Amino acid sequence: MFVVSLSYKVPLEQVDDHIEGHISWLKAGYAKGMFLASGRKVPRDGGVILAKGNRKDLEAELTNDPFHQHDLADYTITEFDPVMVADGLEALQG
């Protein structure tokens, strides 16, 4: 499992110019089964994506994000092994 943290490098106005493309890209990641959850950071200086799969495929997918293609955000990928989860989230394990 991966936590992808996006940090915006530009003003929100520039981010918002590409938000529709970013949302379409996120939906495609969900359709592929790679993304599990996503949302904005509070305060809105970036976002977070929970993803599964292998790191190589995730890194390749991130290059398709309009935020990456237009150099709007930096990405930090943290891999972790969810050994304990709340009831109902067992699918996140292994």
PDB file of N, CA and C in Angstrom:
ATOM      1  N   MET A   1       0.854  -1.165   0.000  1.00  0.00           N
ATOM      2  CA  MET A   1       0.000   0.000   0.000  1.00  0.00           C
ATOM      3  C   MET A   1       0.901   1.230   0.000  1.00  0.00           C
ATOM      4  N   PHE A   2       0.388   2.298  -0.592  1.00  0.00           N
ATOM      5  CA  PHE A   2       1.152   3.530  -0.715  1.00  0.00           C
ATOM      6  C   PHE A   2       0.308   4.736  -0.312  1.00  0.00           C
ATOM      7  N   VAL A   3       0.976   5.679   0.303  1.00  0.00           N
ATOM      8  CA  VAL A   3       0.397   6.998   0.537  1.00  0.00           C
ATOM      9  C   VAL A   3       1.174   7.946  -0.363  1.00  0.00           C
ATOM     10  N   VAL A   4       0.473   8.595  -1.273  1.00  0.00           N
ATOM     11  CA  VAL A   4       1.092   9.569  -2.166  1.00  0.00           C
ATOM     12  C   VAL A   4       0.670  10.949  -1.671  1.00  0.00           C
ATOM     13  N   SER A   5       1.648  11.763  -1.334  1.00  0.00           N
ATOM     14  CA  SER A   5       1.383  13.125  -0.867  1.00  0.00           C
ATOM     15  C   SER A   5       1.802  14.106  -1.954  1.00  0.00           C
ATOM     16  N   LEU A   6       0.835  14.896  -2.409  1.00  0.00           N
ATOM     17  CA  LEU A   6       1.114  15.930  -3.402  1.00  0.00           C
ATOM     18  C   LEU A   6       1.242  17.269  -2.684  1.00  0.00           C
ATOM     19  N   SER A   7       2.248  18.031  -3.050  1.00  0.00           N
ATOM     20  CA  SER A   7       2.434  19.379  -2.513  1.00  0.00           C
ATOM     21  C   SER A   7       2.494  20.343  -3.681  1.00  0.00           C
ATOM     22  N   TYR A   8       1.553  21.292  -3.696  1.00  0.00           N
ATOM     23  CA  TYR A   8       1.503  22.249  -4.800  1.00  0.00           C
ATOM     24  C   TYR A   8       2.722  23.155  -4.798  1.00  0.00           C
ATOM     25  N   LYS A   9       3.222  23.436  -6.003  1.00  0.00           N
ATOM     26  CA  LYS A   9       4.384  24.311  -6.193  1.00  0.00           C
ATOM     27  C   LYS A   9       3.994  25.663  -6.760  1.00  0.00           C
ATOM     28  N   VAL A  10       2.715  25.811  -7.072  1.00  0.00           N
ATOM     29  CA  VAL A  10       2.229  27.015  -7.756  1.00  0.00           C
ATOM     30  C   VAL A  10       0.974  27.511  -7.042  1.00  0.00           C
ATOM     31  N   PRO A  11       0.536  28.743  -7.341  1.00  0.00           N
ATOM     32  CA  PRO A  11      -0.713  29.244  -6.746  1.00  0.00           C
ATOM     33  C   PRO A  11      -1.920  28.382  -7.128  1.00  0.00           C
ATOM     34  N   LEU A  12      -2.931  28.373  -6.258  1.00  0.00           N
ATOM     35  CA  LEU A  12      -4.134  27.564  -6.483  1.00  0.00           C
ATOM     36  C   LEU A  12      -4.819  27.871  -7.811  1.00  0.00           C
ATOM     37  N   GLU A  13      -4.732  29.093  -8.282  1.00  0.00           N
ATOM     38  CA  GLU A  13      -5.354  29.439  -9.557  1.00  0.00           C
ATOM     39  C   GLU A  13      -4.797  28.561 -10.677  1.00  0.00           C
ATOM     40  N   GLN A  14      -3.491  28.317 -10.662  1.00  0.00           N
ATOM     41  CA  GLN A  14      -2.876  27.466 -11.677  1.00  0.00           C
ATOM     42  C   GLN A  14      -3.311  26.010 -11.496  1.00  0.00           C
ATOM     43  N   VAL A  15      -3.409  25.565 -10.254  1.00  0.00           N
ATOM     44  CA  VAL A  15      -3.876  24.210  -9.970  1.00  0.00           C
ATOM     45  C   VAL A  15      -5.302  24.050 -10.495  1.00  0.00           C
ATOM     46  N   ASP A  16      -6.154  25.014 -10.193  1.00  0.00           N
ATOM     47  CA  ASP A  16      -7.560  24.937 -10.596  1.00  0.00           C
ATOM     48  C   ASP A  16      -7.731  24.909 -12.114  1.00  0.00           C
ATOM     49  N   ASP A  17      -6.789  25.484 -12.855  1.00  0.00           N
ATOM     50  CA  ASP A  17      -6.846  25.437 -14.316  1.00  0.00           C
ATOM     51  C   ASP A  17      -6.773  24.003 -14.843  1.00  0.00           C
ATOM     52  N   HIS A  18      -6.224  23.082 -14.030  1.00  0.00           N
ATOM     53  CA  HIS A  18      -6.021  21.697 -14.464  1.00  0.00           C
ATOM     54  C   HIS A  18      -6.782  20.697 -13.609  1.00  0.00           C
ATOM     55  N   ILE A  19      -7.695  21.173 -12.757  1.00  0.00           N
ATOM     56  CA  ILE A  19      -8.393  20.288 -11.820  1.00  0.00           C
ATOM     57  C   ILE A  19      -9.295  19.285 -12.543  1.00  0.00           C
ATOM     58  N   GLU A  20      -9.962  19.687 -13.618  1.00  0.00           N
ATOM     59  CA  GLU A  20     -10.834  18.754 -14.336  1.00  0.00           C
ATOM     60  C   GLU A  20     -10.037  17.586 -14.907  1.00  0.00           C
ATOM     61  N   GLY A  21      -8.896  17.878 -15.489  1.00  0.00           N
ATOM     62  CA  GLY A  21      -8.035  16.813 -16.015  1.00  0.00           C
ATOM     63  C   GLY A  21      -7.505  15.919 -14.907  1.00  0.00           C
ATOM     64  N   HIS A  22      -7.165  16.518 -13.781  1.00  0.00           N
ATOM     65  CA  HIS A  22      -6.672  15.761 -12.626  1.00  0.00           C
ATOM     66  C   HIS A  22      -7.773  14.813 -12.120  1.00  0.00           C
ATOM     67  N   ILE A  23      -9.000  15.296 -12.037  1.00  0.00           N
ATOM     68  CA  ILE A  23     -10.111  14.464 -11.568  1.00  0.00           C
ATOM     69  C   ILE A  23     -10.369  13.316 -12.544  1.00  0.00           C
ATOM     70  N   SER A  24     -10.303  13.584 -13.830  1.00  0.00           N
ATOM     71  CA  SER A  24     -10.463  12.519 -14.828  1.00  0.00           C
ATOM     72  C   SER A  24      -9.361  11.472 -14.675  1.00  0.00           C
ATOM     73  N   TRP A  25      -8.149  11.941 -14.436  1.00  0.00           N
ATOM     74  CA  TRP A  25      -7.023  11.035 -14.224  1.00  0.00           C
ATOM     75  C   TRP A  25      -7.245  10.194 -12.963  1.00  0.00           C
ATOM     76  N   LEU A  26      -7.723  10.817 -11.880  1.00  0.00           N
ATOM     77  CA  LEU A  26      -8.015  10.066 -10.655  1.00  0.00           C
ATOM     78  C   LEU A  26      -9.065   8.990 -10.920  1.00  0.00           C
ATOM     79  N   LYS A  27     -10.135   9.346 -11.631  1.00  0.00           N
ATOM     80  CA  LYS A  27     -11.194   8.381 -11.922  1.00  0.00           C
ATOM     81  C   LYS A  27     -10.652   7.187 -12.703  1.00  0.00           C
ATOM     82  N   ALA A  28      -9.745   7.446 -13.616  1.00  0.00           N
ATOM     83  CA  ALA A  28      -9.133   6.348 -14.370  1.00  0.00           C
ATOM     84  C   ALA A  28      -8.309   5.457 -13.444  1.00  0.00           C
ATOM     85  N   GLY A  29      -7.618   6.050 -12.477  1.00  0.00           N
ATOM     86  CA  GLY A  29      -6.856   5.262 -11.503  1.00  0.00           C
ATOM     87  C   GLY A  29      -7.744   4.400 -10.636  1.00  0.00           C
ATOM     88  N   TYR A  30      -8.923   4.921 -10.273  1.00  0.00           N
ATOM     89  CA  TYR A  30      -9.897   4.118  -9.531  1.00  0.00           C
ATOM     90  C   TYR A  30     -10.412   2.978 -10.399  1.00  0.00           C
ATOM     91  N   ALA A  31     -10.704   3.268 -11.657  1.00  0.00           N
ATOM     92  CA  ALA A  31     -11.223   2.247 -12.567  1.00  0.00           C
ATOM     93  C   ALA A  31     -10.214   1.114 -12.766  1.00  0.00           C
ATOM     94  N   LYS A  32      -8.934   1.432 -12.727  1.00  0.00           N
ATOM     95  CA  LYS A  32      -7.874   0.421 -12.853  1.00  0.00           C
ATOM     96  C   LYS A  32      -7.708  -0.387 -11.566  1.00  0.00           C
ATOM     97  N   GLY A  33      -8.311   0.073 -10.475  1.00  0.00           N
ATOM     98  CA  GLY A  33      -8.153  -0.592  -9.191  1.00  0.00           C
ATOM     99  C   GLY A  33      -6.904  -0.187  -8.443  1.00  0.00           C
ATOM    100  N   MET A  34      -6.200   0.839  -8.908  1.00  0.00           N
ATOM    101  CA  MET A  34      -4.964   1.277  -8.273  1.00  0.00           C
ATOM    102  C   MET A  34      -5.223   2.229  -7.109  1.00  0.00           C
ATOM    103  N   PHE A  35      -6.177   3.136  -7.260  1.00  0.00           N
ATOM    104  CA  PHE A  35      -6.449   4.131  -6.222  1.00  0.00           C
ATOM    105  C   PHE A  35      -7.574   3.659  -5.319  1.00  0.00           C
ATOM    106  N   LEU A  36      -7.401   3.887  -4.032  1.00  0.00           N
ATOM    107  CA  LEU A  36      -8.377   3.469  -3.027  1.00  0.00           C
ATOM    108  C   LEU A  36      -9.091   4.639  -2.381  1.00  0.00           C
ATOM    109  N   ALA A  37      -8.419   5.767  -2.265  1.00  0.00           N
ATOM    110  CA  ALA A  37      -8.993   6.980  -1.668  1.00  0.00           C
ATOM    111  C   ALA A  37      -8.133   8.156  -2.098  1.00  0.00           C
ATOM    112  N   SER A  38      -8.749   9.333  -2.137  1.00  0.00           N
ATOM    113  CA  SER A  38      -8.000  10.538  -2.482  1.00  0.00           C
ATOM    114  C   SER A  38      -8.740  11.750  -1.951  1.00  0.00           C
ATOM    115  N   GLY A  39      -8.020  12.845  -1.797  1.00  0.00           N
ATOM    116  CA  GLY A  39      -8.652  14.070  -1.348  1.00  0.00           C
ATOM    117  C   GLY A  39      -7.641  15.187  -1.153  1.00  0.00           C
ATOM    118  N   ARG A  40      -8.193  16.356  -0.858  1.00  0.00           N
ATOM    119  CA  ARG A  40      -7.376  17.551  -0.655  1.00  0.00           C
ATOM    120  C   ARG A  40      -6.808  17.581   0.758  1.00  0.00           C
ATOM    121  N   LYS A  41      -5.635  18.167   0.878  1.00  0.00           N
ATOM    122  CA  LYS A  41      -5.086  18.429   2.204  1.00  0.00           C
ATOM    123  C   LYS A  41      -5.819  19.644   2.789  1.00  0.00           C
ATOM    124  N   VAL A  42      -5.831  19.725   4.103  1.00  0.00           N
ATOM    125  CA  VAL A  42      -6.400  20.884   4.798  1.00  0.00           C
ATOM    126  C   VAL A  42      -5.309  21.449   5.689  1.00  0.00           C
ATOM    127  N   PRO A  43      -4.831  22.671   5.402  1.00  0.00           N
ATOM    128  CA  PRO A  43      -5.289  23.589   4.362  1.00  0.00           C
ATOM    129  C   PRO A  43      -4.932  23.065   2.967  1.00  0.00           C
ATOM    130  N   ARG A  44      -5.558  23.631   1.962  1.00  0.00           N
ATOM    131  CA  ARG A  44      -5.437  23.144   0.584  1.00  0.00           C
ATOM    132  C   ARG A  44      -4.096  23.560  -0.037  1.00  0.00           C
ATOM    133  N   ASP A  45      -3.069  22.805   0.338  1.00  0.00           N
ATOM    134  CA  ASP A  45      -1.746  23.041  -0.247  1.00  0.00           C
ATOM    135  C   ASP A  45      -1.244  21.801  -0.981  1.00  0.00           C
ATOM    136  N   GLY A  46      -2.171  20.878  -1.238  1.00  0.00           N
ATOM    137  CA  GLY A  46      -1.826  19.649  -1.938  1.00  0.00           C
ATOM    138  C   GLY A  46      -2.924  18.629  -1.764  1.00  0.00           C
ATOM    139  N   GLY A  47      -2.578  17.373  -1.944  1.00  0.00           N
ATOM    140  CA  GLY A  47      -3.556  16.304  -1.818  1.00  0.00           C
ATOM    141  C   GLY A  47      -2.897  15.014  -1.376  1.00  0.00           C
ATOM    142  N   VAL A  48      -3.727  13.999  -1.150  1.00  0.00           N
ATOM    143  CA  VAL A  48      -3.267  12.682  -0.722  1.00  0.00           C
ATOM    144  C   VAL A  48      -4.014  11.625  -1.524  1.00  0.00           C
ATOM    145  N   ILE A  49      -3.286  10.607  -1.936  1.00  0.00           N
ATOM    146  CA  ILE A  49      -3.876   9.460  -2.628  1.00  0.00           C
ATOM    147  C   ILE A  49      -3.416   8.201  -1.911  1.00  0.00           C
ATOM    148  N   LEU A  50      -4.354   7.309  -1.589  1.00  0.00           N
ATOM    149  CA  LEU A  50      -4.026   5.969  -1.110  1.00  0.00           C
ATOM    150  C   LEU A  50      -4.071   5.059  -2.321  1.00  0.00           C
ATOM    151  N   ALA A  51      -3.014   4.287  -2.525  1.00  0.00           N
ATOM    152  CA  ALA A  51      -2.918   3.450  -3.715  1.00  0.00           C
ATOM    153  C   ALA A  51      -2.407   2.061  -3.362  1.00  0.00           C
ATOM    154  N   LYS A  52      -2.710   1.109  -4.245  1.00  0.00           N
ATOM    155  CA  LYS A  52      -2.181  -0.240  -4.081  1.00  0.00           C
ATOM    156  C   LYS A  52      -1.527  -0.657  -5.391  1.00  0.00           C
ATOM    157  N   GLY A  53      -0.815  -1.767  -5.351  1.00  0.00           N
ATOM    158  CA  GLY A  53      -0.114  -2.253  -6.526  1.00  0.00           C
ATOM    159  C   GLY A  53       1.375  -2.254  -6.278  1.00  0.00           C
ATOM    160  N   ASN A  54       2.137  -2.134  -7.333  1.00  0.00           N
ATOM    161  CA  ASN A  54       3.590  -2.066  -7.148  1.00  0.00           C
ATOM    162  C   ASN A  54       4.089  -0.658  -7.439  1.00  0.00           C
ATOM    163  N   ARG A  55       5.218  -0.348  -6.848  1.00  0.00           N
ATOM    164  CA  ARG A  55       5.743   1.014  -6.902  1.00  0.00           C
ATOM    165  C   ARG A  55       6.040   1.461  -8.333  1.00  0.00           C
ATOM    166  N   LYS A  56       6.603   0.569  -9.134  1.00  0.00           N
ATOM    167  CA  LYS A  56       6.960   0.930 -10.509  1.00  0.00           C
ATOM    168  C   LYS A  56       5.724   1.374 -11.297  1.00  0.00           C
ATOM    169  N   ASP A  57       4.638   0.607 -11.175  1.00  0.00           N
ATOM    170  CA  ASP A  57       3.401   0.959 -11.880  1.00  0.00           C
ATOM    171  C   ASP A  57       2.819   2.270 -11.350  1.00  0.00           C
ATOM    172  N   LEU A  58       2.878   2.462 -10.024  1.00  0.00           N
ATOM    173  CA  LEU A  58       2.375   3.701  -9.431  1.00  0.00           C
ATOM    174  C   LEU A  58       3.175   4.896  -9.926  1.00  0.00           C
ATOM    175  N   GLU A  59       4.491   4.780  -9.910  1.00  0.00           N
ATOM    176  CA  GLU A  59       5.325   5.881 -10.384  1.00  0.00           C
ATOM    177  C   GLU A  59       5.015   6.219 -11.841  1.00  0.00           C
ATOM    178  N   ALA A  60       4.801   5.204 -12.653  1.00  0.00           N
ATOM    179  CA  ALA A  60       4.456   5.437 -14.061  1.00  0.00           C
ATOM    180  C   ALA A  60       3.112   6.136 -14.168  1.00  0.00           C
ATOM    181  N   GLU A  61       2.139   5.699 -13.354  1.00  0.00           N
ATOM    182  CA  GLU A  61       0.811   6.311 -13.387  1.00  0.00           C
ATOM    183  C   GLU A  61       0.868   7.778 -12.978  1.00  0.00           C
ATOM    184  N   LEU A  62       1.673   8.104 -11.994  1.00  0.00           N
ATOM    185  CA  LEU A  62       1.764   9.493 -11.527  1.00  0.00           C
ATOM    186  C   LEU A  62       2.260  10.433 -12.623  1.00  0.00           C
ATOM    187  N   THR A  63       3.041   9.931 -13.552  1.00  0.00           N
ATOM    188  CA  THR A  63       3.527  10.794 -14.637  1.00  0.00           C
ATOM    189  C   THR A  63       2.403  11.194 -15.591  1.00  0.00           C
ATOM    190  N   ASN A  64       1.270  10.478 -15.526  1.00  0.00           N
ATOM    191  CA  ASN A  64       0.123  10.811 -16.374  1.00  0.00           C
ATOM    192  C   ASN A  64      -0.782  11.878 -15.774  1.00  0.00           C
ATOM    193  N   ASP A  65      -0.556  12.221 -14.519  1.00  0.00           N
ATOM    194  CA  ASP A  65      -1.364  13.239 -13.842  1.00  0.00           C
ATOM    195  C   ASP A  65      -1.087  14.613 -14.472  1.00  0.00           C
ATOM    196  N   PRO A  66      -2.131  15.340 -14.862  1.00  0.00           N
ATOM    197  CA  PRO A  66      -1.910  16.685 -15.396  1.00  0.00           C
ATOM    198  C   PRO A  66      -1.127  17.592 -14.433  1.00  0.00           C
ATOM    199  N   PHE A  67      -1.278  17.378 -13.137  1.00  0.00           N
ATOM    200  CA  PHE A  67      -0.502  18.177 -12.179  1.00  0.00           C
ATOM    201  C   PHE A  67       0.997  17.907 -12.338  1.00  0.00           C
ATOM    202  N   HIS A  68       1.349  16.676 -12.677  1.00  0.00           N
ATOM    203  CA  HIS A  68       2.754  16.340 -12.926  1.00  0.00           C
ATOM    204  C   HIS A  68       3.192  16.879 -14.282  1.00  0.00           C
ATOM    205  N   GLN A  69       2.346  16.678 -15.280  1.00  0.00           N
ATOM    206  CA  GLN A  69       2.703  17.082 -16.641  1.00  0.00           C
ATOM    207  C   GLN A  69       2.902  18.588 -16.773  1.00  0.00           C
ATOM    208  N   HIS A  70       2.216  19.367 -15.936  1.00  0.00           N
ATOM    209  CA  HIS A  70       2.342  20.829 -15.977  1.00  0.00           C
ATOM    210  C   HIS A  70       3.206  21.368 -14.837  1.00  0.00           C
ATOM    211  N   ASP A  71       3.916  20.448 -14.151  1.00  0.00           N
ATOM    212  CA  ASP A  71       4.861  20.803 -13.083  1.00  0.00           C
ATOM    213  C   ASP A  71       4.201  21.650 -11.993  1.00  0.00           C
ATOM    214  N   LEU A  72       3.014  21.217 -11.557  1.00  0.00           N
ATOM    215  CA  LEU A  72       2.249  21.951 -10.553  1.00  0.00           C
ATOM    216  C   LEU A  72       2.459  21.430  -9.145  1.00  0.00           C
ATOM    217  N   ALA A  73       2.945  20.181  -9.019  1.00  0.00           N
ATOM    218  CA  ALA A  73       3.045  19.564  -7.699  1.00  0.00           C
ATOM    219  C   ALA A  73       4.270  18.668  -7.606  1.00  0.00           C
ATOM    220  N   ASP A  74       4.764  18.538  -6.377  1.00  0.00           N
ATOM    221  CA  ASP A  74       5.783  17.541  -6.051  1.00  0.00           C
ATOM    222  C   ASP A  74       5.061  16.346  -5.442  1.00  0.00           C
ATOM    223  N   TYR A  75       5.610  15.158  -5.633  1.00  0.00           N
ATOM    224  CA  TYR A  75       4.994  13.923  -5.161  1.00  0.00           C
ATOM    225  C   TYR A  75       5.954  13.204  -4.219  1.00  0.00           C
ATOM    226  N   THR A  76       5.452  12.779  -3.074  1.00  0.00           N
ATOM    227  CA  THR A  76       6.203  11.942  -2.151  1.00  0.00           C
ATOM    228  C   THR A  76       5.428  10.646  -1.991  1.00  0.00           C
ATOM    229  N   ILE A  77       6.099   9.523  -2.218  1.00  0.00           N
ATOM    230  CA  ILE A  77       5.469   8.220  -2.099  1.00  0.00           C
ATOM    231  C   ILE A  77       6.012   7.532  -0.849  1.00  0.00           C
ATOM    232  N   THR A  78       5.095   7.117   0.028  1.00  0.00           N
ATOM    233  CA  THR A  78       5.461   6.366   1.223  1.00  0.00           C
ATOM    234  C   THR A  78       4.780   5.009   1.145  1.00  0.00           C
ATOM    235  N   GLU A  79       5.579   3.951   1.189  1.00  0.00           N
ATOM    236  CA  GLU A  79       5.024   2.610   1.183  1.00  0.00           C
ATOM    237  C   GLU A  79       4.853   2.132   2.615  1.00  0.00           C
ATOM    238  N   PHE A  80       3.743   1.439   2.886  1.00  0.00           N
ATOM    239  CA  PHE A  80       3.561   0.853   4.206  1.00  0.00           C
ATOM    240  C   PHE A  80       2.761  -0.431   4.108  1.00  0.00           C
ATOM    241  N   ASP A  81       2.889  -1.252   5.149  1.00  0.00           N
ATOM    242  CA  ASP A  81       2.198  -2.526   5.235  1.00  0.00           C
ATOM    243  C   ASP A  81       1.143  -2.421   6.320  1.00  0.00           C
ATOM    244  N   PRO A  82      -0.136  -2.283   5.954  1.00  0.00           N
ATOM    245  CA  PRO A  82      -1.197  -2.122   6.949  1.00  0.00           C
ATOM    246  C   PRO A  82      -1.481  -3.437   7.683  1.00  0.00           C
ATOM    247  N   VAL A  83      -0.814  -3.650   8.804  1.00  0.00           N
ATOM    248  CA  VAL A  83      -0.977  -4.890   9.555  1.00  0.00           C
ATOM    249  C   VAL A  83      -2.208  -4.872  10.451  1.00  0.00           C
ATOM    250  N   MET A  84      -2.708  -3.697  10.788  1.00  0.00           N
ATOM    251  CA  MET A  84      -3.948  -3.568  11.547  1.00  0.00           C
ATOM    252  C   MET A  84      -4.836  -2.561  10.851  1.00  0.00           C
ATOM    253  N   VAL A  85      -6.133  -2.884  10.773  1.00  0.00           N
ATOM    254  CA  VAL A  85      -7.103  -1.994  10.139  1.00  0.00           C
ATOM    255  C   VAL A  85      -8.396  -2.019  10.936  1.00  0.00           C
ATOM    256  N   ALA A  86      -9.214  -0.993  10.780  1.00  0.00           N
ATOM    257  CA  ALA A  86     -10.525  -0.937  11.406  1.00  0.00           C
ATOM    258  C   ALA A  86     -11.470  -1.931  10.741  1.00  0.00           C
ATOM    259  N   ASP A  87     -12.505  -2.329  11.461  1.00  0.00           N
ATOM    260  CA  ASP A  87     -13.523  -3.209  10.891  1.00  0.00           C
ATOM    261  C   ASP A  87     -14.057  -2.607   9.595  1.00  0.00           C
ATOM    262  N   GLY A  88     -14.168  -3.454   8.594  1.00  0.00           N
ATOM    263  CA  GLY A  88     -14.652  -3.018   7.293  1.00  0.00           C
ATOM    264  C   GLY A  88     -13.565  -2.634   6.318  1.00  0.00           C
ATOM    265  N   LEU A  89     -12.327  -2.524   6.813  1.00  0.00           N
ATOM    266  CA  LEU A  89     -11.223  -2.136   5.932  1.00  0.00           C
ATOM    267  C   LEU A  89     -10.222  -3.266   5.719  1.00  0.00           C
ATOM    268  N   GLU A  90     -10.655  -4.488   5.938  1.00  0.00           N
ATOM    269  CA  GLU A  90      -9.771  -5.646   5.807  1.00  0.00           C
ATOM    270  C   GLU A  90      -9.178  -5.767   4.410  1.00  0.00           C
ATOM    271  N   ALA A  91      -9.856  -5.272   3.399  1.00  0.00           N
ATOM    272  CA  ALA A  91      -9.353  -5.345   2.014  1.00  0.00           C
ATOM    273  C   ALA A  91      -8.053  -4.576   1.847  1.00  0.00           C
ATOM    274  N   LEU A  92      -7.726  -3.688   2.774  1.00  0.00           N
ATOM    275  CA  LEU A  92      -6.485  -2.931   2.681  1.00  0.00           C
ATOM    276  C   LEU A  92      -5.270  -3.762   3.062  1.00  0.00           C
ATOM    277  N   GLN A  93      -5.478  -4.874   3.730  1.00  0.00           N
ATOM    278  CA  GLN A  93      -4.370  -5.709   4.164  1.00  0.00           C
ATOM    279  C   GLN A  93      -3.928  -6.635   3.060  1.00  0.00           C
ATOM    280  N   GLY A  94      -2.581  -6.829   3.007  1.00  0.00           N
ATOM    281  CA  GLY A  94      -1.977  -7.787   2.098  1.00  0.00           C
ATOM    282  C   GLY A  94      -2.425  -7.650   0.739  1.00  0.00           C
TER     283      GLY A  94
END
